[in-house]
Protein backbone atom coordinates (compact mmCIF):
# COMPACT_ATOMS: atom_id res chain seq x y z
CA PRO A 1 165.31 111.32 217.69
CA PRO A 2 168.33 113.64 217.78
CA ARG A 3 169.35 115.31 221.00
CA PRO A 4 168.87 119.08 221.30
CA CYS A 5 171.85 121.30 220.50
CA TYR A 6 172.67 124.36 222.55
CA ALA A 7 174.68 127.38 221.47
CA LEU A 8 175.67 130.69 222.96
CA CYS A 9 175.15 133.13 220.09
CA ARG A 10 176.07 136.73 219.50
CA ARG A 11 173.19 139.14 218.99
CA VAL A 12 174.68 140.25 215.67
CA SER A 13 174.87 136.68 214.30
CA TYR A 14 172.44 135.15 211.84
CA LEU A 15 170.58 131.83 212.23
CA PRO A 16 172.06 130.04 209.20
CA ILE A 17 175.58 130.79 210.43
CA VAL A 18 175.20 129.91 214.12
CA SER A 19 173.15 126.80 213.35
CA ALA A 20 175.85 125.14 211.23
CA PRO A 21 177.05 122.79 214.04
CA ALA A 22 173.47 121.75 214.83
CA ILE A 23 172.71 121.13 211.17
CA ALA A 24 175.83 118.97 210.88
CA SER A 25 174.79 116.88 213.89
CA PHE A 26 171.25 116.38 212.52
CA ARG A 27 172.43 115.24 209.07
CA SER A 28 172.68 111.63 210.23
CA TYR A 29 168.98 111.63 211.19
CA ALA A 30 167.58 112.96 207.92
CA VAL A 31 167.70 111.88 204.31
CA ASN A 32 168.45 114.29 201.48
CA LEU A 33 169.08 117.41 203.55
CA CYS A 34 169.13 120.45 201.31
CA ASN A 35 170.09 123.93 202.47
CA GLN A 36 167.53 125.40 200.07
CA ASN A 37 164.74 123.89 202.20
CA LEU A 38 166.25 124.94 205.53
CA TRP A 39 164.08 127.16 207.73
CA PHE A 40 163.69 128.01 211.42
CA GLU A 41 160.77 128.24 213.80
CA TYR A 42 160.30 129.62 217.31
CA ALA A 43 157.67 127.88 219.38
CA ALA A 44 156.08 130.45 221.64
CA SER A 45 153.74 129.35 224.40
CA ALA A 46 150.56 129.23 222.32
CA ARG A 47 151.80 129.60 218.74
CA SER A 48 154.78 129.05 216.51
CA VAL A 49 156.52 131.77 214.53
CA ILE A 50 158.51 131.32 211.32
CA LEU A 51 161.87 133.06 211.81
CA ARG A 52 163.41 135.25 209.15
CA SER A 53 166.98 134.19 208.37
CA ASP A 54 167.90 137.66 207.13
CA LEU A 55 167.46 139.28 210.56
CA PRO A 56 170.13 139.22 213.29
CA MET A 57 169.57 136.97 216.31
CA GLY A 58 169.26 139.97 218.62
CA VAL A 59 166.37 141.41 216.62
CA LEU A 60 164.58 138.06 216.61
CA TYR A 61 165.15 137.49 220.34
CA ASP A 62 164.05 141.00 221.32
CA SER A 63 160.89 140.89 219.26
CA LEU A 64 159.82 137.39 220.29
CA VAL A 65 161.19 136.76 223.79
CA THR A 66 161.86 140.07 225.53
CA GLY A 67 158.80 141.61 223.90
CA LYS A 68 156.76 139.51 226.32
CA ARG A 69 159.09 140.19 229.27
CA HIS A 70 156.22 140.30 231.78
CA GLU A 71 155.52 136.62 231.00
CA SER A 72 159.11 135.34 230.99
CA SER A 73 162.35 135.49 232.90
CA PRO A 74 165.12 137.70 231.49
CA SER A 75 167.30 134.65 230.83
CA GLU A 76 164.70 132.64 228.91
CA LEU A 77 166.17 130.38 226.27
CA PHE A 78 165.48 131.15 222.65
CA GLN A 79 164.37 127.69 221.54
CA VAL A 80 164.57 127.37 217.78
CA THR A 81 163.47 124.38 215.71
CA ILE A 82 165.40 123.71 212.50
CA HIS A 83 163.30 122.34 209.65
CA PHE A 84 164.85 120.60 206.66
CA THR A 85 161.71 120.06 204.58
CA LYS A 86 158.46 121.81 203.63
CA PHE A 87 159.93 125.28 203.17
CA PRO A 88 157.13 127.88 203.67
CA ILE A 89 157.15 129.34 200.16
CA GLY A 90 155.60 132.80 200.04
CA LYS A 91 156.11 133.38 203.77
CA LEU A 92 159.90 133.48 203.96
CA ILE A 93 162.98 134.59 202.01
CA ARG A 94 165.44 131.80 201.22
CA CYS A 95 168.94 132.37 202.66
CA TRP A 96 170.62 129.13 201.70
CA SER A 97 174.16 130.42 201.30
CA ASP A 98 176.51 132.80 203.07
CA GLU A 99 176.72 134.89 199.91
CA VAL A 100 172.97 135.50 199.85
CA LEU A 101 172.96 136.27 203.56
CA GLN A 102 175.89 138.66 203.13
CA ARG A 103 173.98 140.52 200.38
CA TYR A 104 171.00 140.96 202.72
CA TYR A 105 173.37 142.19 205.42
CA MET A 106 175.01 144.66 203.03
CA GLN A 107 171.61 146.02 202.02
CA SER A 108 170.62 146.46 205.68
CA LEU A 109 173.86 148.27 206.40
CA LYS A 110 173.29 150.63 203.47
CA GLN A 111 169.73 151.32 204.64
CA ALA A 112 171.00 152.09 208.14
CA ALA A 113 173.67 154.43 206.77
CA TYR A 114 171.10 156.21 204.64
CA THR A 115 168.78 156.59 207.63
CA LEU A 116 171.59 158.03 209.78
CA CYS A 117 173.40 160.16 207.22
CA GLY A 118 171.07 160.73 204.29
CA ASN A 119 173.31 158.86 201.83
CA THR A 120 175.43 155.71 201.52
CA LYS A 121 178.75 157.41 200.68
CA ILE A 122 180.11 156.48 204.10
CA ILE A 123 179.74 152.79 203.27
CA SER A 124 181.45 153.08 199.89
CA SER A 125 184.24 155.40 201.13
CA VAL A 126 185.77 152.79 203.46
CA PRO A 127 187.60 150.09 201.47
CA ASN A 128 186.56 146.48 202.16
CA LEU A 129 184.01 147.63 204.73
CA ILE A 130 181.32 145.03 204.05
CA GLY A 131 183.70 142.08 203.72
CA ASP A 132 185.72 143.04 206.80
CA LEU A 133 182.63 143.61 208.92
CA TRP A 134 181.07 140.33 207.77
CA THR A 135 184.27 138.39 208.58
CA SER A 136 184.66 140.14 211.95
CA MET A 137 181.06 139.51 212.86
CA ASN A 138 181.22 135.80 212.04
CA SER A 139 184.55 135.29 213.80
CA GLY A 140 183.59 137.25 216.91
CA CYS A 141 186.34 139.90 216.57
CA LEU A 142 184.08 142.94 216.61
CA VAL A 143 186.22 144.96 219.03
CA SER A 144 189.11 145.33 216.60
CA TYR A 145 186.70 146.14 213.81
CA PHE A 146 184.89 148.90 215.68
CA LEU A 147 188.10 150.48 216.96
CA PHE A 148 189.18 151.05 213.37
CA TYR A 149 185.96 151.51 211.39
CA PHE A 150 183.52 153.11 213.85
CA PRO A 151 184.98 156.62 213.52
CA HIS A 152 184.81 156.35 209.71
CA ILE A 153 181.27 155.03 209.53
CA PHE A 154 179.57 157.30 212.01
CA ARG A 155 181.44 160.55 211.63
CA ILE A 156 179.03 163.44 211.90
CA THR A 157 179.50 166.29 209.47
CA THR A 158 177.86 169.69 209.74
């Protein structure tokens, strides 16, 4: 059997992106690996939970691990199992490519902007916002991004 892989992940990252090195190392142990069948599972103490690939790691961790803080230590590992077969059709959205995942991210960002501001004009008024944020998030350069874009995105008008 393959050895476990460990990764230190950003809370704003997504499972399909941060799991790429683990998937590459498991390819030699499986036949006919297909990204369309890829899915993730978190094994809690008494049950397992299918993880949504379209949610950031921080949301998944907070809802599954820190939500039961009284039972765990604050530094508990988020142990995720990667499955390459038997995709749970009807229970999960397929996110087999970065483009699909980026579309889900863009939709979430628009929903957040609408919730905060009542419209999505802020998102469309900043050129290359979605692409730049997506690239910054995946490369880990969020500081430079927020120094430039944060004032534009969250400006409060009266």
